[in-house]
């Protein structure tokens, strides 16, 4: 892979005559093109919605650009919710996934009518006490446990992760939510980070699609969406090949047809939450060295 900056040294030198270093500079045209490519990869899914992981780069202008391209926002904290509210992102364009969540975070997420994604089974009772406003659409995070293996390599160890519910807890949570008046539920999972492997999303999707079929039969809840979360990374060295998002999209399409469509669940929406993949390599950090050490 050729690693080539989108700025020349001469351009940078001209810019620094106006703006003192250090600063980040972004290629808006490339970001928009990349956003459209990501959307194209999942265009086969009628309910598809991409949510930008705000934690990756909480920059108001970038959020506005991606929102103009049809992206929602994935938030995990009160400041992120406040930021996107100011940016004009509203209601179901917001996915709120958090853990060890304070009451005020849940309250603001509820006020904004965000899709709240519960991380732990105990959070449901907590939410009921501090907010009590159960929405028609809500979600839960799933942790399958064990090791997540891809191509005979352990990509991550969900059994050691502190996030997400067991299968038994997920079933209990959906039954509880149904009693509270929730009509549509989603399943979310995050099993690996910064993966540069086209097989990651399809493998994760197959796990969650089968889970959705089984849980819908078991509980009677309506599974409205599958949130594949983020985790698609970028190569940091020139010898690595980047993810092929179009191939990844088609890789998810196959288990969708094999599992969900076959089970009559062809209206389930696919929700990814990308950060790095959307913005990189459309950003440069411009800075100067202030000292040069001379040792050994």
C-alpha atoms as a PDB file:
ATOM      1  CA  UNK A   1       0.000   0.000   0.000  1.00  0.00           C
ATOM      2  CA  UNK A   2       1.371   3.415  -0.982  1.00  0.00           C
ATOM      3  CA  UNK A   3       1.189   5.859   1.921  1.00  0.00           C
ATOM      4  CA  UNK A   4       0.943   9.336   0.453  1.00  0.00           C
ATOM      5  CA  UNK A   5      -0.149  12.477   2.354  1.00  0.00           C
ATOM      6  CA  UNK A   6      -2.863  14.597   0.754  1.00  0.00           C
ATOM      7  CA  UNK A   7      -0.740  17.718   1.360  1.00  0.00           C
ATOM      8  CA  UNK A   8       2.619  18.632  -0.124  1.00  0.00           C
ATOM      9  CA  UNK A   9       5.388  20.159   1.967  1.00  0.00           C
ATOM     10  CA  UNK A  10       5.032  23.412   0.012  1.00  0.00           C
ATOM     11  CA  UNK A  11       1.285  23.578   0.803  1.00  0.00           C
ATOM     12  CA  UNK A  12       1.943  22.979   4.482  1.00  0.00           C
ATOM     13  CA  UNK A  13       4.602  25.686   4.574  1.00  0.00           C
ATOM     14  CA  UNK A  14       2.156  28.165   3.050  1.00  0.00           C
ATOM     15  CA  UNK A  15      -0.611  27.259   5.489  1.00  0.00           C
ATOM     16  CA  UNK A  16       1.661  27.660   8.499  1.00  0.00           C
ATOM     17  CA  UNK A  17       2.240  31.288   7.522  1.00  0.00           C
ATOM     18  CA  UNK A  18      -1.371  31.879   8.610  1.00  0.00           C
ATOM     19  CA  UNK A  19      -1.987  29.166  11.209  1.00  0.00           C
ATOM     20  CA  UNK A  20       0.621  28.433  13.897  1.00  0.00           C
ATOM     21  CA  UNK A  21       1.510  24.814  14.555  1.00  0.00           C
ATOM     22  CA  UNK A  22       0.511  22.385  15.881  1.00  0.00           C
ATOM     23  CA  UNK A  23      -2.868  21.800  14.205  1.00  0.00           C
ATOM     24  CA  UNK A  24      -4.858  19.098  12.464  1.00  0.00           C
ATOM     25  CA  UNK A  25      -5.972  19.590   8.882  1.00  0.00           C
ATOM     26  CA  UNK A  26      -8.702  17.540   7.201  1.00  0.00           C
ATOM     27  CA  UNK A  27      -9.486  16.722   3.583  1.00  0.00           C
ATOM     28  CA  UNK A  28     -13.247  17.359   3.424  1.00  0.00           C
ATOM     29  CA  UNK A  29     -13.608  16.069  -0.150  1.00  0.00           C
ATOM     30  CA  UNK A  30     -11.934  12.775   0.740  1.00  0.00           C
ATOM     31  CA  UNK A  31     -13.998  12.401   3.931  1.00  0.00           C
ATOM     32  CA  UNK A  32     -17.232  12.850   1.979  1.00  0.00           C
ATOM     33  CA  UNK A  33     -16.091  10.376  -0.693  1.00  0.00           C
ATOM     34  CA  UNK A  34     -15.160   7.828   1.965  1.00  0.00           C
ATOM     35  CA  UNK A  35     -18.499   8.307   3.739  1.00  0.00           C
ATOM     36  CA  UNK A  36     -20.342   7.645   0.483  1.00  0.00           C
ATOM     37  CA  UNK A  37     -18.251   4.552  -0.154  1.00  0.00           C
ATOM     38  CA  UNK A  38     -19.118   3.186   3.300  1.00  0.00           C
ATOM     39  CA  UNK A  39     -22.819   3.811   2.625  1.00  0.00           C
ATOM     40  CA  UNK A  40     -22.544   2.153  -0.786  1.00  0.00           C
ATOM     41  CA  UNK A  41     -21.149  -0.998   0.824  1.00  0.00           C
ATOM     42  CA  UNK A  42     -24.394  -1.540   2.757  1.00  0.00           C
ATOM     43  CA  UNK A  43     -26.864  -0.025   0.287  1.00  0.00           C
ATOM     44  CA  UNK A  44     -28.377  -3.485  -0.194  1.00  0.00           C
ATOM     45  CA  UNK A  45     -29.922  -3.217   3.290  1.00  0.00           C
ATOM     46  CA  UNK A  46     -33.065  -0.998   3.202  1.00  0.00           C
ATOM     47  CA  UNK A  47     -32.830   0.068   6.851  1.00  0.00           C
ATOM     48  CA  UNK A  48     -29.066   0.620   6.914  1.00  0.00           C
ATOM     49  CA  UNK A  49     -27.814   3.573   8.959  1.00  0.00           C
ATOM     50  CA  UNK A  50     -24.199   4.526   9.661  1.00  0.00           C
ATOM     51  CA  UNK A  51     -23.406   6.130  13.022  1.00  0.00           C
ATOM     52  CA  UNK A  52     -20.138   8.032  13.380  1.00  0.00           C
ATOM     53  CA  UNK A  53     -18.274   7.174  16.593  1.00  0.00           C
ATOM     54  CA  UNK A  54     -18.027  10.652  18.107  1.00  0.00           C
ATOM     55  CA  UNK A  55     -15.400   9.496  20.613  1.00  0.00           C
ATOM     56  CA  UNK A  56     -13.012   8.993  17.669  1.00  0.00           C
ATOM     57  CA  UNK A  57     -12.944  12.720  16.819  1.00  0.00           C
ATOM     58  CA  UNK A  58     -15.364  14.989  18.714  1.00  0.00           C
ATOM     59  CA  UNK A  59     -15.024  17.828  16.218  1.00  0.00           C
ATOM     60  CA  UNK A  60     -18.242  19.818  15.515  1.00  0.00           C
ATOM     61  CA  UNK A  61     -17.437  20.530  11.869  1.00  0.00           C
ATOM     62  CA  UNK A  62     -16.641  16.891  11.118  1.00  0.00           C
ATOM     63  CA  UNK A  63     -19.874  15.829  12.807  1.00  0.00           C
ATOM     64  CA  UNK A  64     -21.804  18.303  10.651  1.00  0.00           C
ATOM     65  CA  UNK A  65     -20.101  17.091   7.467  1.00  0.00           C
ATOM     66  CA  UNK A  66     -20.912  13.459   8.196  1.00  0.00           C
ATOM     67  CA  UNK A  67     -24.456  14.348   9.240  1.00  0.00           C
ATOM     68  CA  UNK A  68     -24.880  16.069   5.882  1.00  0.00           C
ATOM     69  CA  UNK A  69     -23.820  12.753   4.328  1.00  0.00           C
ATOM     70  CA  UNK A  70     -26.620  10.968   6.194  1.00  0.00           C
ATOM     71  CA  UNK A  71     -24.654   9.687   9.199  1.00  0.00           C
ATOM     72  CA  UNK A  72     -26.010   9.527  12.704  1.00  0.00           C
ATOM     73  CA  UNK A  73     -23.820   9.738  15.801  1.00  0.00           C
ATOM     74  CA  UNK A  74     -22.728   7.063  18.268  1.00  0.00           C
ATOM     75  CA  UNK A  75     -22.237   8.661  21.702  1.00  0.00           C
ATOM     76  CA  UNK A  76     -20.935   7.272  24.989  1.00  0.00           C
ATOM     77  CA  UNK A  77     -20.965  10.234  27.394  1.00  0.00           C
ATOM     78  CA  UNK A  78     -22.823  13.366  28.462  1.00  0.00           C
ATOM     79  CA  UNK A  79     -20.378  15.789  26.730  1.00  0.00           C
ATOM     80  CA  UNK A  80     -20.778  13.888  23.451  1.00  0.00           C
ATOM     81  CA  UNK A  81     -24.572  14.116  23.718  1.00  0.00           C
ATOM     82  CA  UNK A  82     -24.334  17.838  24.440  1.00  0.00           C
ATOM     83  CA  UNK A  83     -21.992  18.331  21.489  1.00  0.00           C
ATOM     84  CA  UNK A  84     -24.155  16.620  18.905  1.00  0.00           C
ATOM     85  CA  UNK A  85     -27.257  18.374  20.225  1.00  0.00           C
ATOM     86  CA  UNK A  86     -25.560  21.690  19.443  1.00  0.00           C
ATOM     87  CA  UNK A  87     -24.608  20.284  16.023  1.00  0.00           C
ATOM     88  CA  UNK A  88     -28.262  19.603  15.260  1.00  0.00           C
ATOM     89  CA  UNK A  89     -28.211  15.805  15.447  1.00  0.00           C
ATOM     90  CA  UNK A  90     -31.526  14.649  16.901  1.00  0.00           C
ATOM     91  CA  UNK A  91     -33.613  11.638  17.997  1.00  0.00           C
ATOM     92  CA  UNK A  92     -32.933   8.333  16.240  1.00  0.00           C
ATOM     93  CA  UNK A  93     -29.892   9.804  14.555  1.00  0.00           C
ATOM     94  CA  UNK A  94     -28.329   9.298  17.997  1.00  0.00           C
ATOM     95  CA  UNK A  95     -27.185   5.940  19.368  1.00  0.00           C
ATOM     96  CA  UNK A  96     -26.197   6.124  23.049  1.00  0.00           C
ATOM     97  CA  UNK A  97     -23.959   3.255  24.167  1.00  0.00           C
ATOM     98  CA  UNK A  98     -22.420   3.708  27.590  1.00  0.00           C
ATOM     99  CA  UNK A  99     -21.294   1.833  30.686  1.00  0.00           C
ATOM    100  CA  UNK A 100     -21.152   2.840  34.359  1.00  0.00           C
ATOM    101  CA  UNK A 101     -23.669   5.448  33.192  1.00  0.00           C
ATOM    102  CA  UNK A 102     -24.636   8.352  35.494  1.00  0.00           C
ATOM    103  CA  UNK A 103     -28.287   9.309  35.847  1.00  0.00           C
ATOM    104  CA  UNK A 104     -27.823  12.642  34.045  1.00  0.00           C
ATOM    105  CA  UNK A 105     -26.453  10.878  30.957  1.00  0.00           C
ATOM    106  CA  UNK A 106     -29.525   8.665  30.697  1.00  0.00           C
ATOM    107  CA  UNK A 107     -31.800  11.647  31.306  1.00  0.00           C
ATOM    108  CA  UNK A 108     -30.289  13.685  28.485  1.00  0.00           C
ATOM    109  CA  UNK A 109     -30.279  10.686  26.122  1.00  0.00           C
ATOM    110  CA  UNK A 110     -33.969  10.199  26.910  1.00  0.00           C
ATOM    111  CA  UNK A 111     -34.741  13.907  26.441  1.00  0.00           C
ATOM    112  CA  UNK A 112     -33.043  13.808  23.035  1.00  0.00           C
ATOM    113  CA  UNK A 113     -35.052  10.682  22.165  1.00  0.00           C
ATOM    114  CA  UNK A 114     -31.829   8.825  21.372  1.00  0.00           C
ATOM    115  CA  UNK A 115     -31.761   5.066  20.892  1.00  0.00           C
ATOM    116  CA  UNK A 116     -30.386   3.928  24.247  1.00  0.00           C
ATOM    117  CA  UNK A 117     -28.222   0.815  24.192  1.00  0.00           C
ATOM    118  CA  UNK A 118     -28.019  -0.840  27.639  1.00  0.00           C
ATOM    119  CA  UNK A 119     -24.638  -2.315  28.502  1.00  0.00           C
ATOM    120  CA  UNK A 120     -25.525  -4.295  31.648  1.00  0.00           C
ATOM    121  CA  UNK A 121     -28.628  -6.057  32.951  1.00  0.00           C
ATOM    122  CA  UNK A 122     -28.611  -3.914  36.125  1.00  0.00           C
ATOM    123  CA  UNK A 123     -28.845  -0.738  34.038  1.00  0.00           C
ATOM    124  CA  UNK A 124     -32.483  -1.445  33.202  1.00  0.00           C
ATOM    125  CA  UNK A 125     -33.681  -1.105  36.800  1.00  0.00           C
ATOM    126  CA  UNK A 126     -31.432   1.935  37.235  1.00  0.00           C
ATOM    127  CA  UNK A 127     -32.880   3.590  34.130  1.00  0.00           C
ATOM    128  CA  UNK A 128     -36.408   2.807  35.292  1.00  0.00           C
ATOM    129  CA  UNK A 129     -35.735   4.538  38.630  1.00  0.00           C
ATOM    130  CA  UNK A 130     -33.900   7.631  37.390  1.00  0.00           C
ATOM    131  CA  UNK A 131     -35.752   8.174  34.083  1.00  0.00           C
ATOM    132  CA  UNK A 132     -38.636   5.746  33.654  1.00  0.00           C
ATOM    133  CA  UNK A 133     -39.422   6.971  30.150  1.00  0.00           C
ATOM    134  CA  UNK A 134     -39.298   3.781  28.117  1.00  0.00           C
ATOM    135  CA  UNK A 135     -39.069   4.398  24.383  1.00  0.00           C
ATOM    136  CA  UNK A 136     -40.592   2.338  21.588  1.00  0.00           C
ATOM    137  CA  UNK A 137     -37.095   1.477  20.305  1.00  0.00           C
ATOM    138  CA  UNK A 138     -34.198   0.519  22.605  1.00  0.00           C
ATOM    139  CA  UNK A 139     -31.228  -1.824  22.503  1.00  0.00           C
ATOM    140  CA  UNK A 140     -28.909  -4.088  24.500  1.00  0.00           C
ATOM    141  CA  UNK A 141     -25.246  -4.967  24.189  1.00  0.00           C
ATOM    142  CA  UNK A 142     -24.335  -8.639  23.895  1.00  0.00           C
ATOM    143  CA  UNK A 143     -21.132 -10.346  25.046  1.00  0.00           C
ATOM    144  CA  UNK A 144     -20.806 -13.942  23.769  1.00  0.00           C
ATOM    145  CA  UNK A 145     -17.920 -14.787  26.120  1.00  0.00           C
ATOM    146  CA  UNK A 146     -15.078 -17.100  25.140  1.00  0.00           C
ATOM    147  CA  UNK A 147     -12.470 -16.064  22.562  1.00  0.00           C
ATOM    148  CA  UNK A 148     -13.281 -14.396  19.272  1.00  0.00           C
ATOM    149  CA  UNK A 149     -11.292 -16.347  16.699  1.00  0.00           C
ATOM    150  CA  UNK A 150     -10.752 -15.285  13.092  1.00  0.00           C
ATOM    151  CA  UNK A 151      -8.589 -17.173  10.612  1.00  0.00           C
ATOM    152  CA  UNK A 152      -7.339 -19.400  13.451  1.00  0.00           C
ATOM    153  CA  UNK A 153      -6.110 -16.342  15.357  1.00  0.00           C
ATOM    154  CA  UNK A 154      -7.569 -14.932  18.555  1.00  0.00           C
ATOM    155  CA  UNK A 155      -8.714 -11.425  17.651  1.00  0.00           C
ATOM    156  CA  UNK A 156      -9.971 -10.603  21.135  1.00  0.00           C
ATOM    157  CA  UNK A 157     -11.206 -12.221  24.353  1.00  0.00           C
ATOM    158  CA  UNK A 158     -14.856 -11.300  25.091  1.00  0.00           C
ATOM    159  CA  UNK A 159     -14.754 -13.551  28.173  1.00  0.00           C
ATOM    160  CA  UNK A 160     -12.406 -11.011  29.773  1.00  0.00           C
ATOM    161  CA  UNK A 161     -14.319  -7.927  28.636  1.00  0.00           C
ATOM    162  CA  UNK A 162     -16.357  -5.958  31.142  1.00  0.00           C
ATOM    163  CA  UNK A 163     -18.935  -4.884  28.574  1.00  0.00           C
ATOM    164  CA  UNK A 164     -22.172  -6.494  27.441  1.00  0.00           C
ATOM    165  CA  UNK A 165     -24.686  -9.081  28.624  1.00  0.00           C
ATOM    166  CA  UNK A 166     -24.645 -12.848  28.509  1.00  0.00           C
ATOM    167  CA  UNK A 167     -27.194 -14.571  26.316  1.00  0.00           C
ATOM    168  CA  UNK A 168     -29.341 -15.397  29.356  1.00  0.00           C
ATOM    169  CA  UNK A 169     -29.221 -11.781  30.525  1.00  0.00           C
ATOM    170  CA  UNK A 170     -30.077 -10.549  27.037  1.00  0.00           C
ATOM    171  CA  UNK A 171     -33.231 -12.680  26.984  1.00  0.00           C
ATOM    172  CA  UNK A 172     -34.173 -11.450  30.463  1.00  0.00           C
ATOM    173  CA  UNK A 173     -33.555  -7.842  29.430  1.00  0.00           C
ATOM    174  CA  UNK A 174     -35.720  -8.102  26.315  1.00  0.00           C
ATOM    175  CA  UNK A 175     -38.591  -9.622  28.281  1.00  0.00           C
ATOM    176  CA  UNK A 176     -38.294  -6.824  30.853  1.00  0.00           C
ATOM    177  CA  UNK A 177     -38.241  -4.147  28.143  1.00  0.00           C
ATOM    178  CA  UNK A 178     -41.257  -5.672  26.426  1.00  0.00           C
ATOM    179  CA  UNK A 179     -43.209  -5.417  29.697  1.00  0.00           C
ATOM    180  CA  UNK A 180     -42.226  -1.747  29.891  1.00  0.00           C
ATOM    181  CA  UNK A 181     -43.756  -1.072  26.496  1.00  0.00           C
ATOM    182  CA  UNK A 182     -40.672  -1.254  24.284  1.00  0.00           C
ATOM    183  CA  UNK A 183     -41.862  -2.412  20.845  1.00  0.00           C
ATOM    184  CA  UNK A 184     -38.640  -2.649  18.847  1.00  0.00           C
ATOM    185  CA  UNK A 185     -35.246  -3.823  20.114  1.00  0.00           C
ATOM    186  CA  UNK A 186     -31.738  -3.957  18.756  1.00  0.00           C
ATOM    187  CA  UNK A 187     -28.726  -6.161  19.451  1.00  0.00           C
ATOM    188  CA  UNK A 188     -25.279  -4.579  19.700  1.00  0.00           C
ATOM    189  CA  UNK A 189     -21.848  -6.223  20.039  1.00  0.00           C
ATOM    190  CA  UNK A 190     -18.238  -5.095  19.899  1.00  0.00           C
ATOM    191  CA  UNK A 191     -15.793  -7.976  19.793  1.00  0.00           C
ATOM    192  CA  UNK A 192     -12.568  -6.534  18.375  1.00  0.00           C
ATOM    193  CA  UNK A 193     -10.908  -3.173  17.798  1.00  0.00           C
ATOM    194  CA  UNK A 194      -8.988  -1.707  14.863  1.00  0.00           C
ATOM    195  CA  UNK A 195      -9.195  -4.895  12.829  1.00  0.00           C
ATOM    196  CA  UNK A 196      -7.666  -4.839   9.375  1.00  0.00           C
ATOM    197  CA  UNK A 197      -9.388  -7.978   8.142  1.00  0.00           C
ATOM    198  CA  UNK A 198     -12.276  -8.121   5.687  1.00  0.00           C
ATOM    199  CA  UNK A 199     -13.609 -11.204   7.475  1.00  0.00           C
ATOM    200  CA  UNK A 200     -14.317  -9.504  10.837  1.00  0.00           C
ATOM    201  CA  UNK A 201     -17.722  -7.971  10.160  1.00  0.00           C
ATOM    202  CA  UNK A 202     -19.098 -11.012   8.293  1.00  0.00           C
ATOM    203  CA  UNK A 203     -18.012 -13.303  11.160  1.00  0.00           C
ATOM    204  CA  UNK A 204     -19.546 -10.998  13.783  1.00  0.00           C
ATOM    205  CA  UNK A 205     -22.693 -10.604  11.696  1.00  0.00           C
ATOM    206  CA  UNK A 206     -23.207 -14.359  11.453  1.00  0.00           C
ATOM    207  CA  UNK A 207     -23.075 -14.656  15.267  1.00  0.00           C
ATOM    208  CA  UNK A 208     -25.538 -11.811  15.811  1.00  0.00           C
ATOM    209  CA  UNK A 209     -27.918 -12.781  13.011  1.00  0.00           C
ATOM    210  CA  UNK A 210     -28.373 -16.289  14.399  1.00  0.00           C
ATOM    211  CA  UNK A 211     -28.766 -14.871  17.899  1.00  0.00           C
ATOM    212  CA  UNK A 212     -31.462 -12.487  16.629  1.00  0.00           C
ATOM    213  CA  UNK A 213     -33.459 -15.318  15.056  1.00  0.00           C
ATOM    214  CA  UNK A 214     -33.269 -17.440  18.205  1.00  0.00           C
ATOM    215  CA  UNK A 215     -34.030 -14.639  20.657  1.00  0.00           C
ATOM    216  CA  UNK A 216     -36.981 -13.310  18.653  1.00  0.00           C
ATOM    217  CA  UNK A 217     -38.539 -16.771  18.681  1.00  0.00           C
ATOM    218  CA  UNK A 218     -37.808 -17.213  22.384  1.00  0.00           C
ATOM    219  CA  UNK A 219     -39.069 -13.863  23.645  1.00  0.00           C
ATOM    220  CA  UNK A 220     -41.546 -12.635  21.049  1.00  0.00           C
ATOM    221  CA  UNK A 221     -39.787  -9.259  20.835  1.00  0.00           C
ATOM    222  CA  UNK A 222     -39.362  -7.554  17.477  1.00  0.00           C
ATOM    223  CA  UNK A 223     -35.678  -7.365  16.511  1.00  0.00           C
ATOM    224  CA  UNK A 224     -35.504  -4.112  14.550  1.00  0.00           C
ATOM    225  CA  UNK A 225     -31.761  -3.760  14.019  1.00  0.00           C
ATOM    226  CA  UNK A 226     -28.372  -5.378  14.463  1.00  0.00           C
ATOM    227  CA  UNK A 227     -25.633  -2.978  15.552  1.00  0.00           C
ATOM    228  CA  UNK A 228     -22.256  -4.295  14.398  1.00  0.00           C
ATOM    229  CA  UNK A 229     -20.591  -1.445  16.296  1.00  0.00           C
ATOM    230  CA  UNK A 230     -17.161  -0.247  15.137  1.00  0.00           C
ATOM    231  CA  UNK A 231     -13.825  -1.992  15.103  1.00  0.00           C
ATOM    232  CA  UNK A 232     -12.876  -1.683  11.440  1.00  0.00           C
ATOM    233  CA  UNK A 233      -9.431  -0.177  11.525  1.00  0.00           C
ATOM    234  CA  UNK A 234      -6.772   1.288   9.289  1.00  0.00           C
ATOM    235  CA  UNK A 235      -3.228   0.173   8.450  1.00  0.00           C
ATOM    236  CA  UNK A 236      -0.609   2.189  10.289  1.00  0.00           C
ATOM    237  CA  UNK A 237       2.339   1.073   8.189  1.00  0.00           C
ATOM    238  CA  UNK A 238       2.781   1.015   4.387  1.00  0.00           C
ATOM    239  CA  UNK A 239       3.263  -2.760   4.277  1.00  0.00           C
ATOM    240  CA  UNK A 240      -0.333  -3.389   5.417  1.00  0.00           C
ATOM    241  CA  UNK A 241      -3.343  -3.481   3.098  1.00  0.00           C
ATOM    242  CA  UNK A 242      -6.427  -1.471   4.137  1.00  0.00           C
ATOM    243  CA  UNK A 243      -9.880  -2.915   4.686  1.00  0.00           C
ATOM    244  CA  UNK A 244     -12.009  -3.215   1.553  1.00  0.00           C
ATOM    245  CA  UNK A 245     -15.339  -1.833   2.756  1.00  0.00           C
ATOM    246  CA  UNK A 246     -17.190  -2.915  -0.396  1.00  0.00           C
ATOM    247  CA  UNK A 247     -16.008  -6.514   0.102  1.00  0.00           C
ATOM    248  CA  UNK A 248     -16.942  -6.281   3.779  1.00  0.00           C
ATOM    249  CA  UNK A 249     -20.440  -5.104   2.902  1.00  0.00           C
ATOM    250  CA  UNK A 250     -20.923  -8.030   0.565  1.00  0.00           C
ATOM    251  CA  UNK A 251     -19.475 -10.333   3.203  1.00  0.00           C
ATOM    252  CA  UNK A 252     -22.231  -9.251   5.607  1.00  0.00           C
ATOM    253  CA  UNK A 253     -24.858  -9.546   2.869  1.00  0.00           C
ATOM    254  CA  UNK A 254     -24.363 -13.295   2.546  1.00  0.00           C
ATOM    255  CA  UNK A 255     -25.129 -14.322   6.163  1.00  0.00           C
ATOM    256  CA  UNK A 256     -27.965 -11.770   6.145  1.00  0.00           C
ATOM    257  CA  UNK A 257     -29.587 -13.697   3.285  1.00  0.00           C
ATOM    258  CA  UNK A 258     -28.620 -17.108   4.662  1.00  0.00           C
ATOM    259  CA  UNK A 259     -29.938 -16.481   8.189  1.00  0.00           C
ATOM    260  CA  UNK A 260     -32.243 -13.470   8.520  1.00  0.00           C
ATOM    261  CA  UNK A 261     -33.998 -13.527   5.154  1.00  0.00           C
ATOM    262  CA  UNK A 262     -34.454 -17.282   5.424  1.00  0.00           C
ATOM    263  CA  UNK A 263     -36.121 -16.760   8.829  1.00  0.00           C
ATOM    264  CA  UNK A 264     -38.478 -14.115   7.441  1.00  0.00           C
ATOM    265  CA  UNK A 265     -36.562 -11.273   9.133  1.00  0.00           C
ATOM    266  CA  UNK A 266     -35.615  -9.419   5.965  1.00  0.00           C
ATOM    267  CA  UNK A 267     -36.557  -6.018   7.440  1.00  0.00           C
ATOM    268  CA  UNK A 268     -33.803  -6.035  10.090  1.00  0.00           C
ATOM    269  CA  UNK A 269     -31.624  -2.934   9.697  1.00  0.00           C
ATOM    270  CA  UNK A 270     -27.836  -3.065   9.781  1.00  0.00           C
ATOM    271  CA  UNK A 271     -26.119  -0.404  11.896  1.00  0.00           C
ATOM    272  CA  UNK A 272     -22.327   0.076  11.870  1.00  0.00           C
ATOM    273  CA  UNK A 273     -20.514   2.676  14.008  1.00  0.00           C
ATOM    274  CA  UNK A 274     -17.248   3.601  12.366  1.00  0.00           C
ATOM    275  CA  UNK A 275     -14.645   6.107  13.492  1.00  0.00           C
ATOM    276  CA  UNK A 276     -11.123   5.527  12.165  1.00  0.00           C
ATOM    277  CA  UNK A 277     -12.328   3.957   8.925  1.00  0.00           C
ATOM    278  CA  UNK A 278     -14.386   7.003   7.958  1.00  0.00           C
ATOM    279  CA  UNK A 279     -11.859   9.756   8.676  1.00  0.00           C
ATOM    280  CA  UNK A 280      -8.515   8.179   7.913  1.00  0.00           C
ATOM    281  CA  UNK A 281      -6.343   8.829   5.976  1.00  0.00           C
ATOM    282  CA  UNK A 282      -8.037  12.211   5.478  1.00  0.00           C
ATOM    283  CA  UNK A 283      -6.314  13.950   8.379  1.00  0.00           C
ATOM    284  CA  UNK A 284      -2.794  15.216   8.994  1.00  0.00           C
ATOM    285  CA  UNK A 285      -1.178  16.513  12.155  1.00  0.00           C
ATOM    286  CA  UNK A 286       1.035  19.448  11.230  1.00  0.00           C
ATOM    287  CA  UNK A 287       3.714  20.328  13.756  1.00  0.00           C
ATOM    288  CA  UNK A 288       7.324  21.368  14.081  1.00  0.00           C
ATOM    289  CA  UNK A 289      10.115  19.837  16.109  1.00  0.00           C
ATOM    290  CA  UNK A 290      11.263  22.318  18.749  1.00  0.00           C
ATOM    291  CA  UNK A 291      14.299  20.381  19.927  1.00  0.00           C
ATOM    292  CA  UNK A 292      16.607  17.788  18.399  1.00  0.00           C
ATOM    293  CA  UNK A 293      18.420  15.615  20.889  1.00  0.00           C
ATOM    294  CA  UNK A 294      21.923  14.284  20.207  1.00  0.00           C
ATOM    295  CA  UNK A 295      22.576  11.095  22.167  1.00  0.00           C
ATOM    296  CA  UNK A 296      24.228   7.723  21.574  1.00  0.00           C
END
